[in-house]
């Protein structure tokens, strides 16, 4: 991976931000050139989908390949479907839980599965399990002859000692709460069908992707800027710039195997929530207060294997902190979806 700078010192608009998150690396372009077949992205309307799809489209364009990218979503956000169409995606409106929806989708050699339910899962546990655990089996059966990359989460691991560096892919799982349990259910179902049907599959345990409109760093920055106490129950985190996560997600199709491969995806460092909050306070020129104390364990991923395969994320934590701070000061658009990263009981 080359070392060219990929982020500017400031980002002034959502259009600039989306282009930044979507701008393909040279490795993405080369992978697009080598990848056989069309791509269908299921759950295209979520946090990751739009800029991932745009990144793939741009990589295809630079690679000079005629690969169709289908973007499947319910499209509840106004204007998103038209935006994806303007970028070159073939959009399909579908609620994948509805009978016949999957059967109506086009056959594709490559499937990127981004469907999931987290926020609002507490109080809607049956729907959470249906989306996170039942639907993957339907998808795996529908696309049994395809190559599948499916987004999972580091929440399938238990909290581990901070000085351990985080869980690795071969560690025992230990999900806390029904959301995390249902996500392990998603993995187990994909693993079953990968083995039973010899479907090449890769499961990405991601935590936490961040950008300027959403994520752990935004949550911290907004608390500090508003001079609200920062909770320390989960005193340490991993994060990765969404653009870097997009690149790994796309190229992870090359890792799809039977039995299913598993890959942790996050940044290289264990980050102190206290230190991050103090850095934002310095950026804003204000004081910061805390509530609670750090515990000896936290939800942490060790993504060394990912970095060995794809190299370390190109965008550094220092760059992201500065961009997020500037975005908050300028009252940039946010999605209004707190990550609840500090939650230890698994209730989201």
C-alpha atoms as a PDB file:
ATOM      1  CA  UNK A   1       0.000   0.000   0.000  1.00  0.00           C
ATOM      2  CA  UNK A   2       1.383   3.386  -0.933  1.00  0.00           C
ATOM      3  CA  UNK A   3       1.810   6.196   1.568  1.00  0.00           C
ATOM      4  CA  UNK A   4       0.166   9.057  -0.276  1.00  0.00           C
ATOM      5  CA  UNK A   5      -1.998  11.354   1.837  1.00  0.00           C
ATOM      6  CA  UNK A   6      -5.661  10.492   1.487  1.00  0.00           C
ATOM      7  CA  UNK A   7      -7.325  13.005   3.799  1.00  0.00           C
ATOM      8  CA  UNK A   8      -7.271  16.818   3.620  1.00  0.00           C
ATOM      9  CA  UNK A   9      -6.804  19.021   6.666  1.00  0.00           C
ATOM     10  CA  UNK A  10     -10.473  19.996   6.647  1.00  0.00           C
ATOM     11  CA  UNK A  11     -13.688  18.643   5.147  1.00  0.00           C
ATOM     12  CA  UNK A  12     -16.325  21.285   4.455  1.00  0.00           C
ATOM     13  CA  UNK A  13     -19.297  19.387   3.013  1.00  0.00           C
ATOM     14  CA  UNK A  14     -21.030  16.022   2.947  1.00  0.00           C
ATOM     15  CA  UNK A  15     -20.256  15.666  -0.754  1.00  0.00           C
ATOM     16  CA  UNK A  16     -16.537  16.131  -0.055  1.00  0.00           C
ATOM     17  CA  UNK A  17     -16.765  13.669   2.841  1.00  0.00           C
ATOM     18  CA  UNK A  18     -18.561  11.025   0.786  1.00  0.00           C
ATOM     19  CA  UNK A  19     -16.047  11.344  -2.029  1.00  0.00           C
ATOM     20  CA  UNK A  20     -13.227  11.026   0.511  1.00  0.00           C
ATOM     21  CA  UNK A  21     -14.711   7.843   1.995  1.00  0.00           C
ATOM     22  CA  UNK A  22     -15.234   6.434  -1.500  1.00  0.00           C
ATOM     23  CA  UNK A  23     -11.953   7.362  -3.189  1.00  0.00           C
ATOM     24  CA  UNK A  24     -10.389   4.008  -4.127  1.00  0.00           C
ATOM     25  CA  UNK A  25      -6.839   3.104  -3.271  1.00  0.00           C
ATOM     26  CA  UNK A  26      -4.625   1.672  -5.992  1.00  0.00           C
ATOM     27  CA  UNK A  27      -5.105  -1.747  -4.370  1.00  0.00           C
ATOM     28  CA  UNK A  28      -8.879  -1.431  -4.766  1.00  0.00           C
ATOM     29  CA  UNK A  29      -8.460  -0.654  -8.454  1.00  0.00           C
ATOM     30  CA  UNK A  30      -6.172  -3.639  -8.972  1.00  0.00           C
ATOM     31  CA  UNK A  31      -8.599  -5.918  -7.131  1.00  0.00           C
ATOM     32  CA  UNK A  32     -11.479  -4.626  -9.264  1.00  0.00           C
ATOM     33  CA  UNK A  33      -9.429  -5.498 -12.336  1.00  0.00           C
ATOM     34  CA  UNK A  34      -8.910  -9.068 -11.101  1.00  0.00           C
ATOM     35  CA  UNK A  35     -12.385  -9.791  -9.703  1.00  0.00           C
ATOM     36  CA  UNK A  36     -14.635 -11.933 -11.849  1.00  0.00           C
ATOM     37  CA  UNK A  37     -18.374 -11.287 -11.982  1.00  0.00           C
ATOM     38  CA  UNK A  38     -20.946  -8.750 -10.890  1.00  0.00           C
ATOM     39  CA  UNK A  39     -21.541  -7.637  -7.297  1.00  0.00           C
ATOM     40  CA  UNK A  40     -24.730  -7.380  -5.264  1.00  0.00           C
ATOM     41  CA  UNK A  41     -24.651  -5.361  -2.033  1.00  0.00           C
ATOM     42  CA  UNK A  42     -27.426  -6.342   0.364  1.00  0.00           C
ATOM     43  CA  UNK A  43     -28.230  -3.675   2.946  1.00  0.00           C
ATOM     44  CA  UNK A  44     -26.973  -0.900   0.685  1.00  0.00           C
ATOM     45  CA  UNK A  45     -28.752   1.868   2.577  1.00  0.00           C
ATOM     46  CA  UNK A  46     -26.956   1.538   5.911  1.00  0.00           C
ATOM     47  CA  UNK A  47     -24.031   3.478   7.347  1.00  0.00           C
ATOM     48  CA  UNK A  48     -21.410   1.659   5.305  1.00  0.00           C
ATOM     49  CA  UNK A  49     -23.263   0.825   2.102  1.00  0.00           C
ATOM     50  CA  UNK A  50     -23.368   4.036   0.065  1.00  0.00           C
ATOM     51  CA  UNK A  51     -19.683   5.000   0.222  1.00  0.00           C
ATOM     52  CA  UNK A  52     -18.587   1.364  -0.111  1.00  0.00           C
ATOM     53  CA  UNK A  53     -20.660   1.051  -3.272  1.00  0.00           C
ATOM     54  CA  UNK A  54     -19.304   4.309  -4.642  1.00  0.00           C
ATOM     55  CA  UNK A  55     -15.766   3.142  -3.898  1.00  0.00           C
ATOM     56  CA  UNK A  56     -16.363  -0.068  -5.845  1.00  0.00           C
ATOM     57  CA  UNK A  57     -17.895   1.859  -8.750  1.00  0.00           C
ATOM     58  CA  UNK A  58     -14.953   4.255  -8.886  1.00  0.00           C
ATOM     59  CA  UNK A  59     -12.479   1.372  -8.662  1.00  0.00           C
ATOM     60  CA  UNK A  60     -14.278  -0.376 -11.522  1.00  0.00           C
ATOM     61  CA  UNK A  61     -14.140   2.808 -13.582  1.00  0.00           C
ATOM     62  CA  UNK A  62     -10.423   3.286 -12.996  1.00  0.00           C
ATOM     63  CA  UNK A  63      -9.792  -0.399 -13.697  1.00  0.00           C
ATOM     64  CA  UNK A  64     -11.704  -0.146 -16.966  1.00  0.00           C
ATOM     65  CA  UNK A  65     -13.983  -3.078 -16.142  1.00  0.00           C
ATOM     66  CA  UNK A  66     -17.677  -3.435 -16.941  1.00  0.00           C
ATOM     67  CA  UNK A  67     -18.836  -4.835 -13.604  1.00  0.00           C
ATOM     68  CA  UNK A  68     -22.434  -4.205 -12.559  1.00  0.00           C
ATOM     69  CA  UNK A  69     -22.983  -3.264  -8.906  1.00  0.00           C
ATOM     70  CA  UNK A  70     -26.504  -3.916  -7.611  1.00  0.00           C
ATOM     71  CA  UNK A  71     -27.507  -1.943  -4.512  1.00  0.00           C
ATOM     72  CA  UNK A  72     -30.354  -3.614  -2.615  1.00  0.00           C
ATOM     73  CA  UNK A  73     -32.173  -1.776   0.171  1.00  0.00           C
ATOM     74  CA  UNK A  74     -35.608  -0.746   1.413  1.00  0.00           C
ATOM     75  CA  UNK A  75     -34.459   2.852   0.731  1.00  0.00           C
ATOM     76  CA  UNK A  76     -36.178   4.538   3.662  1.00  0.00           C
ATOM     77  CA  UNK A  77     -33.850   7.568   3.414  1.00  0.00           C
ATOM     78  CA  UNK A  78     -35.132  10.149   0.977  1.00  0.00           C
ATOM     79  CA  UNK A  79     -32.900  10.728  -2.023  1.00  0.00           C
ATOM     80  CA  UNK A  80     -30.468   7.883  -1.352  1.00  0.00           C
ATOM     81  CA  UNK A  81     -31.665   5.660  -4.179  1.00  0.00           C
ATOM     82  CA  UNK A  82     -31.327   8.496  -6.678  1.00  0.00           C
ATOM     83  CA  UNK A  83     -27.853   9.308  -5.363  1.00  0.00           C
ATOM     84  CA  UNK A  84     -26.664   5.727  -5.814  1.00  0.00           C
ATOM     85  CA  UNK A  85     -28.129   5.678  -9.315  1.00  0.00           C
ATOM     86  CA  UNK A  86     -26.288   8.886 -10.169  1.00  0.00           C
ATOM     87  CA  UNK A  87     -23.041   7.195  -9.098  1.00  0.00           C
ATOM     88  CA  UNK A  88     -23.727   4.280 -11.437  1.00  0.00           C
ATOM     89  CA  UNK A  89     -25.268   1.605  -9.213  1.00  0.00           C
ATOM     90  CA  UNK A  90     -28.233  -0.511 -10.287  1.00  0.00           C
ATOM     91  CA  UNK A  91     -30.659  -0.028  -7.399  1.00  0.00           C
ATOM     92  CA  UNK A  92     -33.263  -2.566  -6.283  1.00  0.00           C
ATOM     93  CA  UNK A  93     -35.939  -1.846  -3.683  1.00  0.00           C
ATOM     94  CA  UNK A  94     -36.554  -4.893  -1.511  1.00  0.00           C
ATOM     95  CA  UNK A  95     -37.389  -5.909   2.047  1.00  0.00           C
ATOM     96  CA  UNK A  96     -35.377  -9.097   2.284  1.00  0.00           C
ATOM     97  CA  UNK A  97     -37.603 -10.541   5.016  1.00  0.00           C
ATOM     98  CA  UNK A  98     -40.586 -10.524   2.657  1.00  0.00           C
ATOM     99  CA  UNK A  99     -41.453 -13.772   0.958  1.00  0.00           C
ATOM    100  CA  UNK A 100     -40.069 -13.927  -2.578  1.00  0.00           C
ATOM    101  CA  UNK A 101     -37.776 -10.904  -2.203  1.00  0.00           C
ATOM    102  CA  UNK A 102     -34.530 -12.853  -2.365  1.00  0.00           C
ATOM    103  CA  UNK A 103     -35.712 -14.990  -5.255  1.00  0.00           C
ATOM    104  CA  UNK A 104     -36.412 -11.860  -7.296  1.00  0.00           C
ATOM    105  CA  UNK A 105     -32.824 -10.612  -7.008  1.00  0.00           C
ATOM    106  CA  UNK A 106     -30.315 -11.153  -9.825  1.00  0.00           C
ATOM    107  CA  UNK A 107     -27.779 -13.949  -9.682  1.00  0.00           C
ATOM    108  CA  UNK A 108     -24.330 -12.562  -8.862  1.00  0.00           C
ATOM    109  CA  UNK A 109     -20.918 -14.100  -8.457  1.00  0.00           C
ATOM    110  CA  UNK A 110     -20.105 -11.748  -5.557  1.00  0.00           C
ATOM    111  CA  UNK A 111     -22.280 -10.850  -2.561  1.00  0.00           C
ATOM    112  CA  UNK A 112     -21.484  -8.202   0.063  1.00  0.00           C
ATOM    113  CA  UNK A 113     -23.856  -8.649   2.996  1.00  0.00           C
ATOM    114  CA  UNK A 114     -24.310  -5.536   5.166  1.00  0.00           C
ATOM    115  CA  UNK A 115     -27.754  -6.244   6.631  1.00  0.00           C
ATOM    116  CA  UNK A 116     -28.032  -5.967  10.400  1.00  0.00           C
ATOM    117  CA  UNK A 117     -30.008  -4.544  13.296  1.00  0.00           C
ATOM    118  CA  UNK A 118     -28.331  -3.012  16.347  1.00  0.00           C
ATOM    119  CA  UNK A 119     -29.875   0.224  17.543  1.00  0.00           C
ATOM    120  CA  UNK A 120     -33.379  -0.330  18.816  1.00  0.00           C
ATOM    121  CA  UNK A 121     -32.674  -4.026  19.282  1.00  0.00           C
ATOM    122  CA  UNK A 122     -33.507  -3.820  22.982  1.00  0.00           C
ATOM    123  CA  UNK A 123     -37.285  -4.167  23.116  1.00  0.00           C
ATOM    124  CA  UNK A 124     -37.389  -5.636  19.605  1.00  0.00           C
ATOM    125  CA  UNK A 125     -35.487  -8.831  20.249  1.00  0.00           C
ATOM    126  CA  UNK A 126     -37.568 -11.086  17.954  1.00  0.00           C
ATOM    127  CA  UNK A 127     -37.037  -8.770  14.973  1.00  0.00           C
ATOM    128  CA  UNK A 128     -33.350  -8.481  15.866  1.00  0.00           C
ATOM    129  CA  UNK A 129     -32.935 -12.253  15.745  1.00  0.00           C
ATOM    130  CA  UNK A 130     -34.936 -12.509  12.519  1.00  0.00           C
ATOM    131  CA  UNK A 131     -32.704  -9.951  10.786  1.00  0.00           C
ATOM    132  CA  UNK A 132     -29.375 -10.929  12.317  1.00  0.00           C
ATOM    133  CA  UNK A 133     -29.697 -14.732  12.481  1.00  0.00           C
ATOM    134  CA  UNK A 134     -32.603 -16.013  10.362  1.00  0.00           C
ATOM    135  CA  UNK A 135     -32.101 -13.912   7.232  1.00  0.00           C
ATOM    136  CA  UNK A 136     -28.449 -14.969   6.734  1.00  0.00           C
ATOM    137  CA  UNK A 137     -29.605 -18.550   6.213  1.00  0.00           C
ATOM    138  CA  UNK A 138     -32.022 -17.430   3.512  1.00  0.00           C
ATOM    139  CA  UNK A 139     -29.296 -15.385   1.828  1.00  0.00           C
ATOM    140  CA  UNK A 140     -26.734 -18.182   2.068  1.00  0.00           C
ATOM    141  CA  UNK A 141     -29.192 -20.576   0.423  1.00  0.00           C
ATOM    142  CA  UNK A 142     -30.130 -18.087  -2.300  1.00  0.00           C
ATOM    143  CA  UNK A 143     -26.500 -17.353  -3.134  1.00  0.00           C
ATOM    144  CA  UNK A 144     -25.000 -20.765  -2.412  1.00  0.00           C
ATOM    145  CA  UNK A 145     -22.936 -20.658  -5.618  1.00  0.00           C
ATOM    146  CA  UNK A 146     -21.588 -17.147  -4.986  1.00  0.00           C
ATOM    147  CA  UNK A 147     -18.664 -15.670  -3.115  1.00  0.00           C
ATOM    148  CA  UNK A 148     -19.946 -13.935   0.076  1.00  0.00           C
ATOM    149  CA  UNK A 149     -18.416 -11.332   2.356  1.00  0.00           C
ATOM    150  CA  UNK A 150     -20.653 -10.722   5.379  1.00  0.00           C
ATOM    151  CA  UNK A 151     -20.266  -7.910   7.876  1.00  0.00           C
ATOM    152  CA  UNK A 152     -20.169  -9.057  11.484  1.00  0.00           C
ATOM    153  CA  UNK A 153     -19.003  -7.293  14.647  1.00  0.00           C
ATOM    154  CA  UNK A 154     -16.396  -7.451  17.359  1.00  0.00           C
ATOM    155  CA  UNK A 155     -19.297  -7.644  19.815  1.00  0.00           C
ATOM    156  CA  UNK A 156     -19.235 -11.426  19.395  1.00  0.00           C
ATOM    157  CA  UNK A 157     -16.157 -11.384  21.648  1.00  0.00           C
ATOM    158  CA  UNK A 158     -16.319 -10.848  25.418  1.00  0.00           C
ATOM    159  CA  UNK A 159     -14.556  -7.913  27.058  1.00  0.00           C
ATOM    160  CA  UNK A 160     -10.876  -8.798  27.470  1.00  0.00           C
ATOM    161  CA  UNK A 161      -8.018  -7.400  29.573  1.00  0.00           C
ATOM    162  CA  UNK A 162      -6.875  -4.103  28.102  1.00  0.00           C
ATOM    163  CA  UNK A 163      -3.233  -5.150  28.193  1.00  0.00           C
ATOM    164  CA  UNK A 164      -4.029  -8.236  26.079  1.00  0.00           C
ATOM    165  CA  UNK A 165      -4.183  -6.115  22.931  1.00  0.00           C
ATOM    166  CA  UNK A 166      -7.618  -7.436  22.035  1.00  0.00           C
ATOM    167  CA  UNK A 167      -9.268 -10.638  20.849  1.00  0.00           C
ATOM    168  CA  UNK A 168      -7.905 -12.504  17.834  1.00  0.00           C
ATOM    169  CA  UNK A 169      -9.930 -14.544  15.373  1.00  0.00           C
ATOM    170  CA  UNK A 170      -9.121 -17.863  17.037  1.00  0.00           C
ATOM    171  CA  UNK A 171     -10.225 -16.723  20.509  1.00  0.00           C
ATOM    172  CA  UNK A 172     -13.411 -18.032  22.100  1.00  0.00           C
ATOM    173  CA  UNK A 173     -16.506 -15.951  21.481  1.00  0.00           C
ATOM    174  CA  UNK A 174     -18.565 -14.641  24.394  1.00  0.00           C
ATOM    175  CA  UNK A 175     -21.268 -12.212  23.253  1.00  0.00           C
ATOM    176  CA  UNK A 176     -22.872 -10.021  25.920  1.00  0.00           C
ATOM    177  CA  UNK A 177     -26.578  -9.263  25.421  1.00  0.00           C
ATOM    178  CA  UNK A 178     -29.077 -10.355  22.794  1.00  0.00           C
ATOM    179  CA  UNK A 179     -27.792  -8.089  20.025  1.00  0.00           C
ATOM    180  CA  UNK A 180     -24.315  -9.603  20.252  1.00  0.00           C
ATOM    181  CA  UNK A 181     -25.756 -13.112  20.642  1.00  0.00           C
ATOM    182  CA  UNK A 182     -27.827 -12.654  17.488  1.00  0.00           C
ATOM    183  CA  UNK A 183     -24.698 -11.491  15.645  1.00  0.00           C
ATOM    184  CA  UNK A 184     -22.907 -14.680  16.662  1.00  0.00           C
ATOM    185  CA  UNK A 185     -26.028 -16.439  15.362  1.00  0.00           C
ATOM    186  CA  UNK A 186     -25.472 -14.692  12.016  1.00  0.00           C
ATOM    187  CA  UNK A 187     -21.927 -15.998  11.893  1.00  0.00           C
ATOM    188  CA  UNK A 188     -22.881 -19.542  12.863  1.00  0.00           C
ATOM    189  CA  UNK A 189     -25.591 -19.684  10.186  1.00  0.00           C
ATOM    190  CA  UNK A 190     -23.229 -18.423   7.484  1.00  0.00           C
ATOM    191  CA  UNK A 191     -20.600 -20.895   8.700  1.00  0.00           C
ATOM    192  CA  UNK A 192     -23.084 -23.763   8.498  1.00  0.00           C
ATOM    193  CA  UNK A 193     -24.133 -23.031   4.943  1.00  0.00           C
ATOM    194  CA  UNK A 194     -20.573 -22.299   3.884  1.00  0.00           C
ATOM    195  CA  UNK A 195     -19.621 -25.812   4.953  1.00  0.00           C
ATOM    196  CA  UNK A 196     -22.833 -27.559   3.852  1.00  0.00           C
ATOM    197  CA  UNK A 197     -22.951 -25.975   0.379  1.00  0.00           C
ATOM    198  CA  UNK A 198     -19.232 -25.281  -0.039  1.00  0.00           C
ATOM    199  CA  UNK A 199     -20.047 -21.591  -0.369  1.00  0.00           C
ATOM    200  CA  UNK A 200     -16.958 -19.379  -0.203  1.00  0.00           C
ATOM    201  CA  UNK A 201     -17.579 -16.981   2.688  1.00  0.00           C
ATOM    202  CA  UNK A 202     -15.678 -14.360   4.696  1.00  0.00           C
ATOM    203  CA  UNK A 203     -16.965 -12.920   7.970  1.00  0.00           C
ATOM    204  CA  UNK A 204     -15.704  -9.463   8.974  1.00  0.00           C
ATOM    205  CA  UNK A 205     -15.661  -8.707  12.693  1.00  0.00           C
ATOM    206  CA  UNK A 206     -15.596  -4.906  12.523  1.00  0.00           C
ATOM    207  CA  UNK A 207     -15.301  -2.459  15.396  1.00  0.00           C
ATOM    208  CA  UNK A 208     -15.557   0.462  15.252  1.00  0.00           C
ATOM    209  CA  UNK A 209     -15.748   2.239  11.900  1.00  0.00           C
ATOM    210  CA  UNK A 210     -15.731   6.033  12.247  1.00  0.00           C
ATOM    211  CA  UNK A 211     -16.329   9.012  10.005  1.00  0.00           C
ATOM    212  CA  UNK A 212     -17.477  12.585  10.617  1.00  0.00           C
ATOM    213  CA  UNK A 213     -21.242  12.021  10.766  1.00  0.00           C
ATOM    214  CA  UNK A 214     -21.195   8.966  12.983  1.00  0.00           C
ATOM    215  CA  UNK A 215     -18.990   6.945  15.296  1.00  0.00           C
ATOM    216  CA  UNK A 216     -17.225   6.723  18.624  1.00  0.00           C
ATOM    217  CA  UNK A 217     -15.023   9.751  17.973  1.00  0.00           C
ATOM    218  CA  UNK A 218     -17.998  11.909  17.025  1.00  0.00           C
ATOM    219  CA  UNK A 219     -19.826  10.832  20.180  1.00  0.00           C
ATOM    220  CA  UNK A 220     -16.825  11.766  22.306  1.00  0.00           C
ATOM    221  CA  UNK A 221     -16.269  15.067  20.512  1.00  0.00           C
ATOM    222  CA  UNK A 222     -19.910  16.125  20.895  1.00  0.00           C
ATOM    223  CA  UNK A 223     -19.863  15.348  24.622  1.00  0.00           C
ATOM    224  CA  UNK A 224     -16.675  17.313  25.157  1.00  0.00           C
ATOM    225  CA  UNK A 225     -17.864  20.236  23.021  1.00  0.00           C
ATOM    226  CA  UNK A 226     -21.131  20.409  24.973  1.00  0.00           C
ATOM    227  CA  UNK A 227     -19.153  20.094  28.226  1.00  0.00           C
ATOM    228  CA  UNK A 228     -21.030  16.936  29.172  1.00  0.00           C
ATOM    229  CA  UNK A 229     -19.305  14.269  31.313  1.00  0.00           C
ATOM    230  CA  UNK A 230     -17.609  11.503  29.338  1.00  0.00           C
ATOM    231  CA  UNK A 231     -18.436   7.980  30.593  1.00  0.00           C
ATOM    232  CA  UNK A 232     -15.492   5.709  31.254  1.00  0.00           C
ATOM    233  CA  UNK A 233     -17.259   2.363  31.806  1.00  0.00           C
ATOM    234  CA  UNK A 234     -15.742   1.158  28.523  1.00  0.00           C
ATOM    235  CA  UNK A 235     -12.475   2.966  28.905  1.00  0.00           C
ATOM    236  CA  UNK A 236     -10.683   1.709  25.811  1.00  0.00           C
ATOM    237  CA  UNK A 237     -11.698   1.265  22.169  1.00  0.00           C
ATOM    238  CA  UNK A 238     -10.450   0.412  18.693  1.00  0.00           C
ATOM    239  CA  UNK A 239     -11.513   2.469  15.686  1.00  0.00           C
ATOM    240  CA  UNK A 240     -10.870   2.481  11.946  1.00  0.00           C
ATOM    241  CA  UNK A 241     -11.593   5.194   9.382  1.00  0.00           C
ATOM    242  CA  UNK A 242     -14.636   4.217   7.337  1.00  0.00           C
ATOM    243  CA  UNK A 243     -12.741   4.640   4.083  1.00  0.00           C
ATOM    244  CA  UNK A 244     -10.155   2.093   5.202  1.00  0.00           C
ATOM    245  CA  UNK A 245     -12.938  -0.255   6.345  1.00  0.00           C
ATOM    246  CA  UNK A 246     -14.582   0.124   2.914  1.00  0.00           C
ATOM    247  CA  UNK A 247     -11.367  -0.898   1.203  1.00  0.00           C
ATOM    248  CA  UNK A 248     -10.948  -3.995   3.376  1.00  0.00           C
ATOM    249  CA  UNK A 249     -14.605  -4.961   2.955  1.00  0.00           C
ATOM    250  CA  UNK A 250     -14.358  -4.859  -0.837  1.00  0.00           C
ATOM    251  CA  UNK A 251     -11.052  -6.696  -1.069  1.00  0.00           C
ATOM    252  CA  UNK A 252     -12.031  -9.295   1.559  1.00  0.00           C
ATOM    253  CA  UNK A 253     -13.964 -11.062  -1.196  1.00  0.00           C
ATOM    254  CA  UNK A 254     -10.589 -12.585  -2.077  1.00  0.00           C
ATOM    255  CA  UNK A 255     -10.505 -14.285   1.346  1.00  0.00           C
ATOM    256  CA  UNK A 256     -13.892 -15.984   0.983  1.00  0.00           C
ATOM    257  CA  UNK A 257     -13.463 -19.703   1.564  1.00  0.00           C
ATOM    258  CA  UNK A 258     -15.212 -22.854   2.723  1.00  0.00           C
ATOM    259  CA  UNK A 259     -15.236 -23.324   5.671  1.00  0.00           C
ATOM    260  CA  UNK A 260     -15.826 -19.603   6.154  1.00  0.00           C
ATOM    261  CA  UNK A 261     -12.848 -17.367   6.885  1.00  0.00           C
ATOM    262  CA  UNK A 262     -13.025 -14.867   9.766  1.00  0.00           C
ATOM    263  CA  UNK A 263     -11.223 -11.526   9.806  1.00  0.00           C
ATOM    264  CA  UNK A 264     -11.028  -8.866  12.520  1.00  0.00           C
ATOM    265  CA  UNK A 265     -11.202  -5.362  11.050  1.00  0.00           C
ATOM    266  CA  UNK A 266     -10.146  -2.321  13.068  1.00  0.00           C
ATOM    267  CA  UNK A 267      -7.262   0.063  13.646  1.00  0.00           C
ATOM    268  CA  UNK A 268      -3.851  -0.940  15.013  1.00  0.00           C
ATOM    269  CA  UNK A 269      -4.076   0.747  18.417  1.00  0.00           C
ATOM    270  CA  UNK A 270      -5.904   0.338  21.700  1.00  0.00           C
ATOM    271  CA  UNK A 271      -7.142   3.870  22.384  1.00  0.00           C
ATOM    272  CA  UNK A 272      -7.878   5.395  25.771  1.00  0.00           C
ATOM    273  CA  UNK A 273     -11.293   7.074  25.926  1.00  0.00           C
ATOM    274  CA  UNK A 274      -9.914   9.464  28.538  1.00  0.00           C
ATOM    275  CA  UNK A 275      -6.999  10.451  26.322  1.00  0.00           C
ATOM    276  CA  UNK A 276      -9.234  10.894  23.283  1.00  0.00           C
ATOM    277  CA  UNK A 277     -11.585  13.135  25.249  1.00  0.00           C
ATOM    278  CA  UNK A 278      -8.665  15.220  26.509  1.00  0.00           C
ATOM    279  CA  UNK A 279      -7.406  15.605  22.935  1.00  0.00           C
ATOM    280  CA  UNK A 280     -10.807  16.906  21.858  1.00  0.00           C
ATOM    281  CA  UNK A 281     -10.811  19.291  24.822  1.00  0.00           C
ATOM    282  CA  UNK A 282      -7.460  20.632  23.598  1.00  0.00           C
ATOM    283  CA  UNK A 283      -8.872  21.033  20.083  1.00  0.00           C
ATOM    284  CA  UNK A 284     -11.894  22.923  21.411  1.00  0.00           C
ATOM    285  CA  UNK A 285     -10.043  24.882  24.086  1.00  0.00           C
ATOM    286  CA  UNK A 286     -12.406  23.721  26.816  1.00  0.00           C
ATOM    287  CA  UNK A 287     -12.383  21.608  29.963  1.00  0.00           C
ATOM    288  CA  UNK A 288     -13.500  17.991  30.088  1.00  0.00           C
ATOM    289  CA  UNK A 289     -15.067  16.036  32.926  1.00  0.00           C
ATOM    290  CA  UNK A 290     -15.534  12.295  33.357  1.00  0.00           C
ATOM    291  CA  UNK A 291     -17.944   9.961  35.084  1.00  0.00           C
ATOM    292  CA  UNK A 292     -17.021   6.526  36.367  1.00  0.00           C
ATOM    293  CA  UNK A 293     -13.641   4.841  36.163  1.00  0.00           C
ATOM    294  CA  UNK A 294     -11.915   2.673  33.580  1.00  0.00           C
ATOM    295  CA  UNK A 295     -12.241  -1.055  34.150  1.00  0.00           C
ATOM    296  CA  UNK A 296      -9.540  -3.613  33.490  1.00  0.00           C
ATOM    297  CA  UNK A 297     -11.425  -5.083  30.527  1.00  0.00           C
ATOM    298  CA  UNK A 298     -12.894  -3.656  27.327  1.00  0.00           C
ATOM    299  CA  UNK A 299     -14.336  -4.802  24.011  1.00  0.00           C
ATOM    300  CA  UNK A 300     -11.211  -4.870  21.847  1.00  0.00           C
ATOM    301  CA  UNK A 301     -10.120  -6.479  18.575  1.00  0.00           C
ATOM    302  CA  UNK A 302      -6.620  -7.384  17.497  1.00  0.00           C
ATOM    303  CA  UNK A 303      -6.629  -6.933  13.711  1.00  0.00           C
ATOM    304  CA  UNK A 304      -3.002  -7.934  13.135  1.00  0.00           C
ATOM    305  CA  UNK A 305      -4.006 -10.561  10.575  1.00  0.00           C
ATOM    306  CA  UNK A 306      -5.982  -7.979   8.604  1.00  0.00           C
ATOM    307  CA  UNK A 307      -3.007  -5.627   8.632  1.00  0.00           C
ATOM    308  CA  UNK A 308      -0.684  -8.420   7.505  1.00  0.00           C
ATOM    309  CA  UNK A 309      -2.946  -9.098   4.512  1.00  0.00           C
ATOM    310  CA  UNK A 310      -4.055  -5.577   3.569  1.00  0.00           C
ATOM    311  CA  UNK A 311      -1.497  -3.460   5.490  1.00  0.00           C
ATOM    312  CA  UNK A 312      -2.429  -1.032   8.244  1.00  0.00           C
ATOM    313  CA  UNK A 313      -5.174   1.569   7.748  1.00  0.00           C
ATOM    314  CA  UNK A 314      -3.951   4.492   5.694  1.00  0.00           C
ATOM    315  CA  UNK A 315      -5.725   7.200   7.714  1.00  0.00           C
ATOM    316  CA  UNK A 316      -4.296   7.784  11.189  1.00  0.00           C
ATOM    317  CA  UNK A 317      -6.196   8.436  14.407  1.00  0.00           C
ATOM    318  CA  UNK A 318      -4.553  11.877  14.652  1.00  0.00           C
ATOM    319  CA  UNK A 319      -5.974  12.864  11.277  1.00  0.00           C
ATOM    320  CA  UNK A 320      -9.450  11.648  12.174  1.00  0.00           C
ATOM    321  CA  UNK A 321      -9.477  13.432  15.549  1.00  0.00           C
ATOM    322  CA  UNK A 322      -8.637  16.729  13.851  1.00  0.00           C
ATOM    323  CA  UNK A 323     -11.276  16.235  11.144  1.00  0.00           C
ATOM    324  CA  UNK A 324     -13.983  15.291  13.647  1.00  0.00           C
ATOM    325  CA  UNK A 325     -13.152  18.250  15.896  1.00  0.00           C
ATOM    326  CA  UNK A 326     -13.388  20.668  12.962  1.00  0.00           C
ATOM    327  CA  UNK A 327     -16.659  19.075  11.802  1.00  0.00           C
ATOM    328  CA  UNK A 328     -18.227  19.475  15.256  1.00  0.00           C
ATOM    329  CA  UNK A 329     -17.047  23.078  15.574  1.00  0.00           C
ATOM    330  CA  UNK A 330     -18.563  23.856  12.162  1.00  0.00           C
ATOM    331  CA  UNK A 331     -21.833  22.141  13.152  1.00  0.00           C
ATOM    332  CA  UNK A 332     -21.527  19.637  10.327  1.00  0.00           C
ATOM    333  CA  UNK A 333     -24.368  17.225   9.554  1.00  0.00           C
ATOM    334  CA  UNK A 334     -24.587  14.157  11.794  1.00  0.00           C
ATOM    335  CA  UNK A 335     -26.864  11.127  11.695  1.00  0.00           C
ATOM    336  CA  UNK A 336     -28.100  11.447  15.267  1.00  0.00           C
ATOM    337  CA  UNK A 337     -27.294   7.805  16.039  1.00  0.00           C
ATOM    338  CA  UNK A 338     -25.166   7.539  19.198  1.00  0.00           C
ATOM    339  CA  UNK A 339     -22.990   4.436  19.146  1.00  0.00           C
ATOM    340  CA  UNK A 340     -23.475   3.683  22.864  1.00  0.00           C
ATOM    341  CA  UNK A 341     -19.880   2.454  22.785  1.00  0.00           C
ATOM    342  CA  UNK A 342     -19.685   2.762  26.576  1.00  0.00           C
ATOM    343  CA  UNK A 343     -22.449   0.197  27.173  1.00  0.00           C
ATOM    344  CA  UNK A 344     -21.230  -2.953  28.938  1.00  0.00           C
ATOM    345  CA  UNK A 345     -24.538  -4.827  29.309  1.00  0.00           C
ATOM    346  CA  UNK A 346     -25.107  -5.304  25.596  1.00  0.00           C
ATOM    347  CA  UNK A 347     -28.376  -3.348  25.516  1.00  0.00           C
ATOM    348  CA  UNK A 348     -28.582  -1.098  22.458  1.00  0.00           C
END
